[in-house]
């Protein structure tokens, strides 16, 4: 019997682990930045469902059932594939939530100031304002391509989306509080 750590499963396991770690990091961040520190339950449900499939795979691996080895291996692979799908959905649920949260917070904090007021104290805002109009289209494109069955490298999509949300939206949100608001007030 092939055990899940063997070569055939390394890529699958690496994807499950990397997506899970990324999702957990972003999920904790989403809790901290959400209004009233509320918990967002959907990603937790997806991660729980992923764990269920991992447990099924290991149960089959460790059980003494008399199914032939090929059937057991196929069952294990199917369940690990399903676990990956749940982890992938958990990531997207989390990063979608964070994206909306940061864009809303940016909009809310700047709504009382005119474009000219902001530019007068922070000239780089001109570039940020343009970028903030581009980001929703990029996110929509990533969300459109998020199908786990897509042949595109899923880690590439995850990396791009995480970069937009953390390296751009969170960075700009922090910049507003650190640099722009003190100059506006």
C-alpha atoms as a PDB file:
ATOM      1  CA  UNK A   1       0.000   0.000   0.000  1.00  0.00           C
ATOM      2  CA  UNK A   2       1.239   3.518  -0.804  1.00  0.00           C
ATOM      3  CA  UNK A   3       1.408   5.687   2.243  1.00  0.00           C
ATOM      4  CA  UNK A   4       0.421   9.337   1.727  1.00  0.00           C
ATOM      5  CA  UNK A   5       3.933  10.637   2.403  1.00  0.00           C
ATOM      6  CA  UNK A   6       5.423   8.701  -0.499  1.00  0.00           C
ATOM      7  CA  UNK A   7       6.499  10.437  -3.694  1.00  0.00           C
ATOM      8  CA  UNK A   8       3.112  10.178  -5.423  1.00  0.00           C
ATOM      9  CA  UNK A   9       1.504  12.276  -2.684  1.00  0.00           C
ATOM     10  CA  UNK A  10       4.260  14.791  -1.890  1.00  0.00           C
ATOM     11  CA  UNK A  11       2.878  17.515  -4.187  1.00  0.00           C
ATOM     12  CA  UNK A  12      -0.639  17.014  -2.874  1.00  0.00           C
ATOM     13  CA  UNK A  13       0.512  17.135   0.745  1.00  0.00           C
ATOM     14  CA  UNK A  14       2.674  20.202   0.106  1.00  0.00           C
ATOM     15  CA  UNK A  15      -0.308  22.027  -1.399  1.00  0.00           C
ATOM     16  CA  UNK A  16      -2.612  21.060   1.473  1.00  0.00           C
ATOM     17  CA  UNK A  17      -0.054  22.160   4.062  1.00  0.00           C
ATOM     18  CA  UNK A  18       0.932  25.424   2.355  1.00  0.00           C
ATOM     19  CA  UNK A  19      -2.662  26.481   1.695  1.00  0.00           C
ATOM     20  CA  UNK A  20      -3.657  25.604   5.250  1.00  0.00           C
ATOM     21  CA  UNK A  21      -0.795  27.606   6.785  1.00  0.00           C
ATOM     22  CA  UNK A  22      -1.532  30.608   4.566  1.00  0.00           C
ATOM     23  CA  UNK A  23      -5.259  30.421   5.327  1.00  0.00           C
ATOM     24  CA  UNK A  24      -4.651  30.192   9.052  1.00  0.00           C
ATOM     25  CA  UNK A  25      -2.400  33.262   8.964  1.00  0.00           C
ATOM     26  CA  UNK A  26      -4.952  35.247   6.966  1.00  0.00           C
ATOM     27  CA  UNK A  27      -7.871  33.970   9.023  1.00  0.00           C
ATOM     28  CA  UNK A  28      -6.306  35.206  12.255  1.00  0.00           C
ATOM     29  CA  UNK A  29      -5.669  38.545  10.587  1.00  0.00           C
ATOM     30  CA  UNK A  30      -9.275  38.678   9.390  1.00  0.00           C
ATOM     31  CA  UNK A  31     -10.515  38.132  12.929  1.00  0.00           C
ATOM     32  CA  UNK A  32      -8.371  40.997  14.187  1.00  0.00           C
ATOM     33  CA  UNK A  33      -9.441  43.417  11.466  1.00  0.00           C
ATOM     34  CA  UNK A  34     -13.099  42.457  11.298  1.00  0.00           C
ATOM     35  CA  UNK A  35     -15.633  44.713  12.892  1.00  0.00           C
ATOM     36  CA  UNK A  36     -15.959  43.950  16.615  1.00  0.00           C
ATOM     37  CA  UNK A  37     -13.377  41.150  16.199  1.00  0.00           C
ATOM     38  CA  UNK A  38     -16.094  38.818  14.950  1.00  0.00           C
ATOM     39  CA  UNK A  39     -15.331  35.303  13.822  1.00  0.00           C
ATOM     40  CA  UNK A  40     -15.997  34.349  10.212  1.00  0.00           C
ATOM     41  CA  UNK A  41     -17.251  30.758  10.305  1.00  0.00           C
ATOM     42  CA  UNK A  42     -17.180  29.594   6.656  1.00  0.00           C
ATOM     43  CA  UNK A  43     -13.384  29.048   6.418  1.00  0.00           C
ATOM     44  CA  UNK A  44     -13.438  27.139   9.697  1.00  0.00           C
ATOM     45  CA  UNK A  45     -16.123  24.843   8.272  1.00  0.00           C
ATOM     46  CA  UNK A  46     -14.032  24.246   5.137  1.00  0.00           C
ATOM     47  CA  UNK A  47     -10.945  23.442   7.216  1.00  0.00           C
ATOM     48  CA  UNK A  48     -13.009  21.069   9.345  1.00  0.00           C
ATOM     49  CA  UNK A  49     -14.262  19.349   6.189  1.00  0.00           C
ATOM     50  CA  UNK A  50     -10.671  19.064   4.942  1.00  0.00           C
ATOM     51  CA  UNK A  51      -9.678  17.424   8.209  1.00  0.00           C
ATOM     52  CA  UNK A  52     -12.543  14.949   7.838  1.00  0.00           C
ATOM     53  CA  UNK A  53     -11.161  13.818   4.471  1.00  0.00           C
ATOM     54  CA  UNK A  54      -7.631  13.561   5.856  1.00  0.00           C
ATOM     55  CA  UNK A  55      -8.931  11.419   8.726  1.00  0.00           C
ATOM     56  CA  UNK A  56     -10.795   9.180   6.258  1.00  0.00           C
ATOM     57  CA  UNK A  57      -7.620   8.732   4.227  1.00  0.00           C
ATOM     58  CA  UNK A  58      -5.569   7.829   7.275  1.00  0.00           C
ATOM     59  CA  UNK A  59      -8.292   5.574   8.615  1.00  0.00           C
ATOM     60  CA  UNK A  60      -8.161   3.627   5.359  1.00  0.00           C
ATOM     61  CA  UNK A  61      -4.370   3.600   5.482  1.00  0.00           C
ATOM     62  CA  UNK A  62      -4.238   2.247   9.017  1.00  0.00           C
ATOM     63  CA  UNK A  63      -7.261  -0.047   8.990  1.00  0.00           C
ATOM     64  CA  UNK A  64      -7.180  -3.772   8.503  1.00  0.00           C
ATOM     65  CA  UNK A  65      -9.984  -3.820   5.972  1.00  0.00           C
ATOM     66  CA  UNK A  66      -9.599  -6.429   3.306  1.00  0.00           C
ATOM     67  CA  UNK A  67      -9.996  -4.156   0.271  1.00  0.00           C
ATOM     68  CA  UNK A  68      -7.196  -4.614  -2.192  1.00  0.00           C
ATOM     69  CA  UNK A  69      -4.275  -2.236  -2.078  1.00  0.00           C
ATOM     70  CA  UNK A  70      -5.204  -0.441  -5.312  1.00  0.00           C
ATOM     71  CA  UNK A  71      -8.709   0.383  -4.012  1.00  0.00           C
ATOM     72  CA  UNK A  72      -7.266   1.652  -0.730  1.00  0.00           C
ATOM     73  CA  UNK A  73      -4.732   3.821  -2.541  1.00  0.00           C
ATOM     74  CA  UNK A  74      -7.428   5.272  -4.791  1.00  0.00           C
ATOM     75  CA  UNK A  75      -9.668   5.984  -1.781  1.00  0.00           C
ATOM     76  CA  UNK A  76      -6.770   7.734  -0.021  1.00  0.00           C
ATOM     77  CA  UNK A  77      -5.955   9.850  -3.072  1.00  0.00           C
ATOM     78  CA  UNK A  78      -9.603  10.837  -3.610  1.00  0.00           C
ATOM     79  CA  UNK A  79      -9.914  11.965   0.008  1.00  0.00           C
ATOM     80  CA  UNK A  80      -6.669  13.919  -0.072  1.00  0.00           C
ATOM     81  CA  UNK A  81      -7.817  15.623  -3.284  1.00  0.00           C
ATOM     82  CA  UNK A  82     -11.083  16.536  -1.566  1.00  0.00           C
ATOM     83  CA  UNK A  83      -9.167  17.839   1.463  1.00  0.00           C
ATOM     84  CA  UNK A  84      -7.158  20.062  -0.874  1.00  0.00           C
ATOM     85  CA  UNK A  85     -10.379  21.398  -2.399  1.00  0.00           C
ATOM     86  CA  UNK A  86     -11.744  22.311   1.031  1.00  0.00           C
ATOM     87  CA  UNK A  87      -8.478  24.021   2.023  1.00  0.00           C
ATOM     88  CA  UNK A  88      -8.559  25.952  -1.251  1.00  0.00           C
ATOM     89  CA  UNK A  89     -12.124  27.136  -0.589  1.00  0.00           C
ATOM     90  CA  UNK A  90     -11.162  28.082   2.980  1.00  0.00           C
ATOM     91  CA  UNK A  91      -8.352  30.228   1.591  1.00  0.00           C
ATOM     92  CA  UNK A  92     -10.646  32.016  -0.861  1.00  0.00           C
ATOM     93  CA  UNK A  93     -13.381  32.550   1.719  1.00  0.00           C
ATOM     94  CA  UNK A  94     -10.807  34.093   4.045  1.00  0.00           C
ATOM     95  CA  UNK A  95      -8.965  36.257   1.545  1.00  0.00           C
ATOM     96  CA  UNK A  96     -12.236  37.438  -0.035  1.00  0.00           C
ATOM     97  CA  UNK A  97     -13.414  38.513   3.417  1.00  0.00           C
ATOM     98  CA  UNK A  98     -10.123  40.290   4.131  1.00  0.00           C
ATOM     99  CA  UNK A  99     -10.133  42.027   0.764  1.00  0.00           C
ATOM    100  CA  UNK A 100     -13.613  43.409   1.320  1.00  0.00           C
ATOM    101  CA  UNK A 101     -12.734  44.369   4.905  1.00  0.00           C
ATOM    102  CA  UNK A 102      -9.643  46.362   3.918  1.00  0.00           C
ATOM    103  CA  UNK A 103     -11.299  48.073   0.958  1.00  0.00           C
ATOM    104  CA  UNK A 104     -14.242  49.048   3.169  1.00  0.00           C
ATOM    105  CA  UNK A 105     -11.970  50.330   5.945  1.00  0.00           C
ATOM    106  CA  UNK A 106      -9.907  52.368   3.470  1.00  0.00           C
ATOM    107  CA  UNK A 107     -13.054  53.879   2.007  1.00  0.00           C
ATOM    108  CA  UNK A 108     -14.534  54.641   5.434  1.00  0.00           C
ATOM    109  CA  UNK A 109     -11.466  56.352   6.809  1.00  0.00           C
ATOM    110  CA  UNK A 110     -10.987  58.529   3.726  1.00  0.00           C
ATOM    111  CA  UNK A 111     -14.628  59.371   3.011  1.00  0.00           C
ATOM    112  CA  UNK A 112     -14.535  62.629   4.977  1.00  0.00           C
ATOM    113  CA  UNK A 113     -11.670  64.048   2.919  1.00  0.00           C
ATOM    114  CA  UNK A 114     -11.619  65.233  -0.653  1.00  0.00           C
ATOM    115  CA  UNK A 115      -9.202  63.883  -3.212  1.00  0.00           C
ATOM    116  CA  UNK A 116      -7.448  67.273  -3.291  1.00  0.00           C
ATOM    117  CA  UNK A 117      -7.085  67.359   0.493  1.00  0.00           C
ATOM    118  CA  UNK A 118      -5.474  63.944   0.510  1.00  0.00           C
ATOM    119  CA  UNK A 119      -3.164  64.723  -2.431  1.00  0.00           C
ATOM    120  CA  UNK A 120      -2.074  67.967  -0.805  1.00  0.00           C
ATOM    121  CA  UNK A 121      -0.664  66.114   2.227  1.00  0.00           C
ATOM    122  CA  UNK A 122       0.252  62.828   0.555  1.00  0.00           C
ATOM    123  CA  UNK A 123       1.073  63.149  -3.176  1.00  0.00           C
ATOM    124  CA  UNK A 124       1.558  59.368  -3.517  1.00  0.00           C
ATOM    125  CA  UNK A 125      -2.179  59.027  -3.027  1.00  0.00           C
ATOM    126  CA  UNK A 126      -2.623  59.806  -6.706  1.00  0.00           C
ATOM    127  CA  UNK A 127      -0.978  56.466  -7.551  1.00  0.00           C
ATOM    128  CA  UNK A 128      -2.880  54.695  -4.769  1.00  0.00           C
ATOM    129  CA  UNK A 129      -6.210  56.056  -5.959  1.00  0.00           C
ATOM    130  CA  UNK A 130      -5.545  54.613  -9.424  1.00  0.00           C
ATOM    131  CA  UNK A 131      -4.369  51.320  -7.941  1.00  0.00           C
ATOM    132  CA  UNK A 132      -7.481  51.064  -5.766  1.00  0.00           C
ATOM    133  CA  UNK A 133      -9.620  51.211  -8.915  1.00  0.00           C
ATOM    134  CA  UNK A 134      -7.592  48.397 -10.545  1.00  0.00           C
ATOM    135  CA  UNK A 135      -7.534  45.988  -7.610  1.00  0.00           C
ATOM    136  CA  UNK A 136     -11.216  44.906  -7.777  1.00  0.00           C
ATOM    137  CA  UNK A 137     -10.789  43.806 -11.399  1.00  0.00           C
ATOM    138  CA  UNK A 138      -7.645  41.838 -10.559  1.00  0.00           C
ATOM    139  CA  UNK A 139      -9.415  40.188  -7.638  1.00  0.00           C
ATOM    140  CA  UNK A 140     -12.417  39.352  -9.819  1.00  0.00           C
ATOM    141  CA  UNK A 141     -10.063  37.741 -12.342  1.00  0.00           C
ATOM    142  CA  UNK A 142      -8.357  35.659  -9.637  1.00  0.00           C
ATOM    143  CA  UNK A 143     -11.725  34.607  -8.230  1.00  0.00           C
ATOM    144  CA  UNK A 144     -12.869  33.624 -11.725  1.00  0.00           C
ATOM    145  CA  UNK A 145      -9.794  31.372 -12.092  1.00  0.00           C
ATOM    146  CA  UNK A 146     -10.035  29.815  -8.619  1.00  0.00           C
ATOM    147  CA  UNK A 147     -11.430  26.460  -9.796  1.00  0.00           C
ATOM    148  CA  UNK A 148      -9.462  23.704  -8.030  1.00  0.00           C
ATOM    149  CA  UNK A 149      -9.794  21.636 -11.202  1.00  0.00           C
ATOM    150  CA  UNK A 150      -8.077  24.345 -13.229  1.00  0.00           C
ATOM    151  CA  UNK A 151      -4.726  23.243 -14.603  1.00  0.00           C
ATOM    152  CA  UNK A 152      -3.164  26.569 -13.606  1.00  0.00           C
ATOM    153  CA  UNK A 153      -0.868  26.330 -10.609  1.00  0.00           C
ATOM    154  CA  UNK A 154      -3.105  26.963  -7.592  1.00  0.00           C
ATOM    155  CA  UNK A 155      -0.231  28.268  -5.513  1.00  0.00           C
ATOM    156  CA  UNK A 156       0.346  30.972  -8.126  1.00  0.00           C
ATOM    157  CA  UNK A 157      -3.251  32.185  -7.800  1.00  0.00           C
ATOM    158  CA  UNK A 158      -2.990  32.081  -4.008  1.00  0.00           C
ATOM    159  CA  UNK A 159       0.285  34.002  -4.011  1.00  0.00           C
ATOM    160  CA  UNK A 160      -1.111  36.701  -6.321  1.00  0.00           C
ATOM    161  CA  UNK A 161      -4.260  37.174  -4.249  1.00  0.00           C
ATOM    162  CA  UNK A 162      -2.375  37.212  -0.958  1.00  0.00           C
ATOM    163  CA  UNK A 163       0.066  39.776  -2.392  1.00  0.00           C
ATOM    164  CA  UNK A 164      -2.783  42.110  -3.369  1.00  0.00           C
ATOM    165  CA  UNK A 165      -4.482  41.842   0.017  1.00  0.00           C
ATOM    166  CA  UNK A 166      -1.436  41.954   2.301  1.00  0.00           C
ATOM    167  CA  UNK A 167       1.249  43.779   0.322  1.00  0.00           C
ATOM    168  CA  UNK A 168      -1.110  46.366  -1.103  1.00  0.00           C
ATOM    169  CA  UNK A 169      -4.436  46.734   0.715  1.00  0.00           C
ATOM    170  CA  UNK A 170      -3.150  46.133   4.250  1.00  0.00           C
ATOM    171  CA  UNK A 171      -0.040  48.188   3.530  1.00  0.00           C
ATOM    172  CA  UNK A 172      -2.120  51.101   2.256  1.00  0.00           C
ATOM    173  CA  UNK A 173      -4.545  50.843   5.167  1.00  0.00           C
ATOM    174  CA  UNK A 174      -1.614  51.100   7.596  1.00  0.00           C
ATOM    175  CA  UNK A 175      -0.134  53.964   5.581  1.00  0.00           C
ATOM    176  CA  UNK A 176      -3.365  55.898   5.942  1.00  0.00           C
ATOM    177  CA  UNK A 177      -3.152  55.696   9.737  1.00  0.00           C
ATOM    178  CA  UNK A 178       0.598  56.194   9.998  1.00  0.00           C
ATOM    179  CA  UNK A 179       1.169  58.895   7.420  1.00  0.00           C
ATOM    180  CA  UNK A 180      -1.961  60.382   5.870  1.00  0.00           C
ATOM    181  CA  UNK A 181      -4.344  60.924   8.784  1.00  0.00           C
ATOM    182  CA  UNK A 182      -1.769  62.674  10.991  1.00  0.00           C
ATOM    183  CA  UNK A 183      -1.201  65.154   8.170  1.00  0.00           C
ATOM    184  CA  UNK A 184      -4.923  65.645   7.520  1.00  0.00           C
ATOM    185  CA  UNK A 185      -5.809  66.237  11.156  1.00  0.00           C
END
